[in-house]
C-alpha atoms as a PDB file:
ATOM      1  CA  MET A   1     -13.275   3.190  -3.142  1.00  0.00           C
ATOM      2  CA  GLU A   2     -16.130   5.312  -1.479  1.00  0.00           C
ATOM      3  CA  GLN A   3     -13.342   8.307  -2.320  1.00  0.00           C
ATOM      4  CA  LEU A   4     -12.963   7.111  -6.162  1.00  0.00           C
ATOM      5  CA  LYS A   5     -16.513   7.106  -6.804  1.00  0.00           C
ATOM      6  CA  GLU A   6     -17.255  10.459  -5.110  1.00  0.00           C
ATOM      7  CA  ARG A   7     -14.228  11.876  -6.798  1.00  0.00           C
ATOM      8  CA  ILE A   8     -15.604  10.287 -10.337  1.00  0.00           C
ATOM      9  CA  LYS A   9     -18.998  11.663  -9.757  1.00  0.00           C
ATOM     10  CA  LYS A  10     -18.136  14.996  -8.902  1.00  0.00           C
ATOM     11  CA  ALA A  11     -15.919  15.257 -12.026  1.00  0.00           C
ATOM     12  CA  ARG A  12     -18.099  13.316 -14.636  1.00  0.00           C
ATOM     13  CA  LYS A  13     -21.659  13.477 -15.821  1.00  0.00           C
ATOM     14  CA  ILE A  14     -22.525  10.256 -15.790  1.00  0.00           C
ATOM     15  CA  THR A  15     -25.091   7.615 -15.420  1.00  0.00           C
ATOM     16  CA  THR A  16     -24.959   5.391 -12.283  1.00  0.00           C
ATOM     17  CA  SER A  17     -24.315   2.480 -14.609  1.00  0.00           C
ATOM     18  CA  THR A  18     -21.504   3.723 -16.025  1.00  0.00           C
ATOM     19  CA  LEU A  19     -19.998   4.771 -12.862  1.00  0.00           C
ATOM     20  CA  ASN A  20     -20.581   1.233 -11.303  1.00  0.00           C
ATOM     21  CA  VAL A  21     -18.693  -0.114 -14.428  1.00  0.00           C
ATOM     22  CA  TYR A  22     -15.590   2.139 -13.954  1.00  0.00           C
ATOM     23  CA  LEU A  23     -15.447   1.331 -10.150  1.00  0.00           C
ATOM     24  CA  ARG A  24     -15.849  -2.615 -11.034  1.00  0.00           C
ATOM     25  CA  ASN A  25     -13.286  -2.369 -13.742  1.00  0.00           C
ATOM     26  CA  MET A  26     -10.762  -0.917 -11.042  1.00  0.00           C
ATOM     27  CA  ARG A  27     -11.923  -3.567  -8.730  1.00  0.00           C
ATOM     28  CA  ILE A  28     -11.053  -6.401 -11.303  1.00  0.00           C
ATOM     29  CA  LEU A  29      -8.116  -4.707 -12.520  1.00  0.00           C
ATOM     30  CA  SER A  30      -6.439  -4.114  -8.974  1.00  0.00           C
ATOM     31  CA  LYS A  31      -7.124  -7.735  -8.050  1.00  0.00           C
ATOM     32  CA  THR A  32      -5.805  -8.997 -11.212  1.00  0.00           C
ATOM     33  CA  ILE A  33      -2.839  -6.990 -11.196  1.00  0.00           C
ATOM     34  CA  THR A  34      -1.676  -6.287  -7.585  1.00  0.00           C
ATOM     35  CA  GLY A  35      -3.635  -9.591  -5.853  1.00  0.00           C
ATOM     36  CA  THR A  36      -5.394  -7.193  -3.457  1.00  0.00           C
ATOM     37  CA  ASP A  37      -8.496  -5.251  -3.506  1.00  0.00           C
ATOM     38  CA  PHE A  38      -8.327  -2.051  -4.626  1.00  0.00           C
ATOM     39  CA  LYS A  39      -6.828   1.129  -2.514  1.00  0.00           C
ATOM     40  CA  ASP A  40      -5.163   3.373  -5.107  1.00  0.00           C
ATOM     41  CA  THR A  41      -4.522   3.898  -8.343  1.00  0.00           C
ATOM     42  CA  SER A  42      -0.512   3.662  -8.040  1.00  0.00           C
ATOM     43  CA  PHE A  43      -0.901   0.114  -9.807  1.00  0.00           C
ATOM     44  CA  LEU A  44      -1.818   2.288 -13.082  1.00  0.00           C
ATOM     45  CA  ASN A  45       1.820   3.602 -13.109  1.00  0.00           C
ATOM     46  CA  ASN A  46       3.236  -0.025 -14.469  1.00  0.00           C
ATOM     47  CA  ILE A  47       1.776   0.358 -17.634  1.00  0.00           C
ATOM     48  CA  LYS A  48       3.562  -2.586 -18.976  1.00  0.00           C
ATOM     49  CA  LYS A  49       1.775  -5.005 -16.274  1.00  0.00           C
ATOM     50  CA  VAL A  50      -1.297  -3.599 -16.954  1.00  0.00           C
ATOM     51  CA  LYS A  51      -1.189  -3.888 -20.634  1.00  0.00           C
ATOM     52  CA  THR A  52       0.168  -7.483 -20.213  1.00  0.00           C
ATOM     53  CA  GLU A  53      -3.354  -8.179 -18.281  1.00  0.00           C
ATOM     54  CA  ILE A  54      -5.702  -5.980 -20.366  1.00  0.00           C
ATOM     55  CA  GLU A  55      -4.391  -8.125 -23.660  1.00  0.00           C
ATOM     56  CA  LYS A  56      -6.014 -11.014 -22.389  1.00  0.00           C
ATOM     57  CA  LYS A  57      -9.100  -9.801 -23.139  1.00  0.00           C
ATOM     58  CA  ARG A  58     -11.228  -9.331 -26.010  1.00  0.00           C
ATOM     59  CA  LEU A  59     -10.575  -5.904 -28.014  1.00  0.00           C
ATOM     60  CA  PRO A  60     -14.015  -4.396 -26.638  1.00  0.00           C
ATOM     61  CA  THR A  61     -13.333  -5.421 -23.401  1.00  0.00           C
ATOM     62  CA  GLN A  62     -10.052  -3.700 -23.422  1.00  0.00           C
ATOM     63  CA  LYS A  63     -11.419  -0.620 -24.917  1.00  0.00           C
ATOM     64  CA  THR A  64     -13.319  -0.488 -21.275  1.00  0.00           C
ATOM     65  CA  TYR A  65     -10.894  -1.326 -19.373  1.00  0.00           C
ATOM     66  CA  LEU A  66      -8.523   1.479 -21.046  1.00  0.00           C
ATOM     67  CA  ALA A  67     -11.567   3.841 -21.094  1.00  0.00           C
ATOM     68  CA  THR A  68     -12.256   3.458 -17.155  1.00  0.00           C
ATOM     69  CA  ILE A  69      -7.972   3.686 -16.569  1.00  0.00           C
ATOM     70  CA  ILE A  70      -7.874   7.153 -18.523  1.00  0.00           C
ATOM     71  CA  VAL A  71     -10.975   8.511 -16.485  1.00  0.00           C
ATOM     72  CA  VAL A  72      -9.522   7.538 -13.325  1.00  0.00           C
ATOM     73  CA  LEU A  73      -6.088   9.137 -14.147  1.00  0.00           C
ATOM     74  CA  MET A  74      -7.353  12.240 -15.231  1.00  0.00           C
ATOM     75  CA  LEU A  75      -8.764  12.905 -11.771  1.00  0.00           C
ATOM     76  CA  ASP A  76      -5.401  13.825 -10.914  1.00  0.00           C
ATOM     77  CA  GLY A  77      -5.268  16.430 -13.635  1.00  0.00           C
ATOM     78  CA  ASP A  78      -1.925  17.376 -14.730  1.00  0.00           C
ATOM     79  CA  LYS A  79       0.037  15.030 -12.437  1.00  0.00           C
ATOM     80  CA  SER A  80      -1.003  11.987 -14.532  1.00  0.00           C
ATOM     81  CA  LYS A  81      -0.817  14.196 -17.720  1.00  0.00           C
ATOM     82  CA  ASN A  82       2.380  12.066 -19.202  1.00  0.00           C
ATOM     83  CA  ILE A  83       0.597   8.251 -18.390  1.00  0.00           C
ATOM     84  CA  VAL A  84      -2.980   9.291 -19.249  1.00  0.00           C
ATOM     85  CA  LYS A  85      -1.301   9.815 -23.261  1.00  0.00           C
ATOM     86  CA  LYS A  86       0.594   6.570 -23.064  1.00  0.00           C
ATOM     87  CA  TYR A  87      -2.635   5.152 -22.219  1.00  0.00           C
ATOM     88  CA  ARG A  88      -4.544   7.208 -24.855  1.00  0.00           C
ATOM     89  CA  ASP A  89      -1.975   6.208 -27.621  1.00  0.00           C
ATOM     90  CA  TYR A  90      -2.481   2.497 -26.462  1.00  0.00           C
ATOM     91  CA  LEU A  91      -6.454   2.942 -26.600  1.00  0.00           C
ATOM     92  CA  SER A  92      -5.967   4.498 -29.957  1.00  0.00           C
ATOM     93  CA  GLU A  93      -3.875   1.565 -31.036  1.00  0.00           C
ATOM     94  CA  ILE A  94      -6.500  -0.798 -29.999  1.00  0.00           C
ATOM     95  CA  LYS A  95      -9.177   0.933 -31.292  1.00  0.00           C
ATOM     96  CA  GLY A  96      -7.443   0.588 -34.744  1.00  0.00           C
ATOM     97  CA  GLN A  97      -7.099  -3.068 -34.487  1.00  0.00           C
ATOM     98  CA  TYR A  98     -10.672  -3.221 -33.126  1.00  0.00           C
ATOM     99  CA  ASP A  99     -12.105  -1.010 -36.109  1.00  0.00           C
ATOM    100  CA  LYS A 100      -9.708  -3.128 -38.800  1.00  0.00           C
ATOM    101  CA  GLN A 101     -11.212  -6.188 -37.323  1.00  0.00           C
ATOM    102  CA  MET A 102     -15.200  -4.877 -37.811  1.00  0.00           C
ATOM    103  CA  GLU A 103     -14.514  -3.267 -41.432  1.00  0.00           C
ATOM    104  CA  THR A 104     -13.631  -6.894 -42.578  1.00  0.00           C
ATOM    105  CA  GLN A 105     -16.731  -8.396 -40.754  1.00  0.00           C
ATOM    106  CA  ARG A 106     -15.243 -11.478 -39.226  1.00  0.00           C
ATOM    107  CA  LYS A 107     -16.515 -13.257 -36.314  1.00  0.00           C
ATOM    108  CA  THR A 108     -14.160 -13.461 -33.593  1.00  0.00           C
ATOM    109  CA  ARG A 109     -13.783 -16.686 -32.394  1.00  0.00           C
ATOM    110  CA  LYS A 110     -15.772 -16.481 -29.598  1.00  0.00           C
ATOM    111  CA  GLU A 111     -18.374 -15.074 -31.803  1.00  0.00           C
ATOM    112  CA  SER A 112     -17.970 -18.162 -34.133  1.00  0.00           C
ATOM    113  CA  GLU A 113     -18.372 -20.702 -31.155  1.00  0.00           C
ATOM    114  CA  ASN A 114     -21.582 -19.123 -30.390  1.00  0.00           C
ATOM    115  CA  TRP A 115     -22.900 -19.783 -33.392  1.00  0.00           C
END
């Protein structure tokens, strides 16, 4: 995880809080999908499994997880170009759903429960 942290810091000009969000998301995804602590990004190659796990979350959270995945995979450059494109397409789809939800200005189930 420390190596990932250093690679992200070197590649992107981001705040410490954003870096911590990326690292936390990777820990959570790894633990949820593989059942183990984060070792490497190879589990992200199974897009179907990752999607299944992400779809359990609310749309804003899905967007955050997908952004994290894209940032992390982009660290590998051209090697991950194809899979990054698939995740970007999926992020675009989720963003469209989120935008549509915002246009209707209807409360989500969770928002309704909190009111």
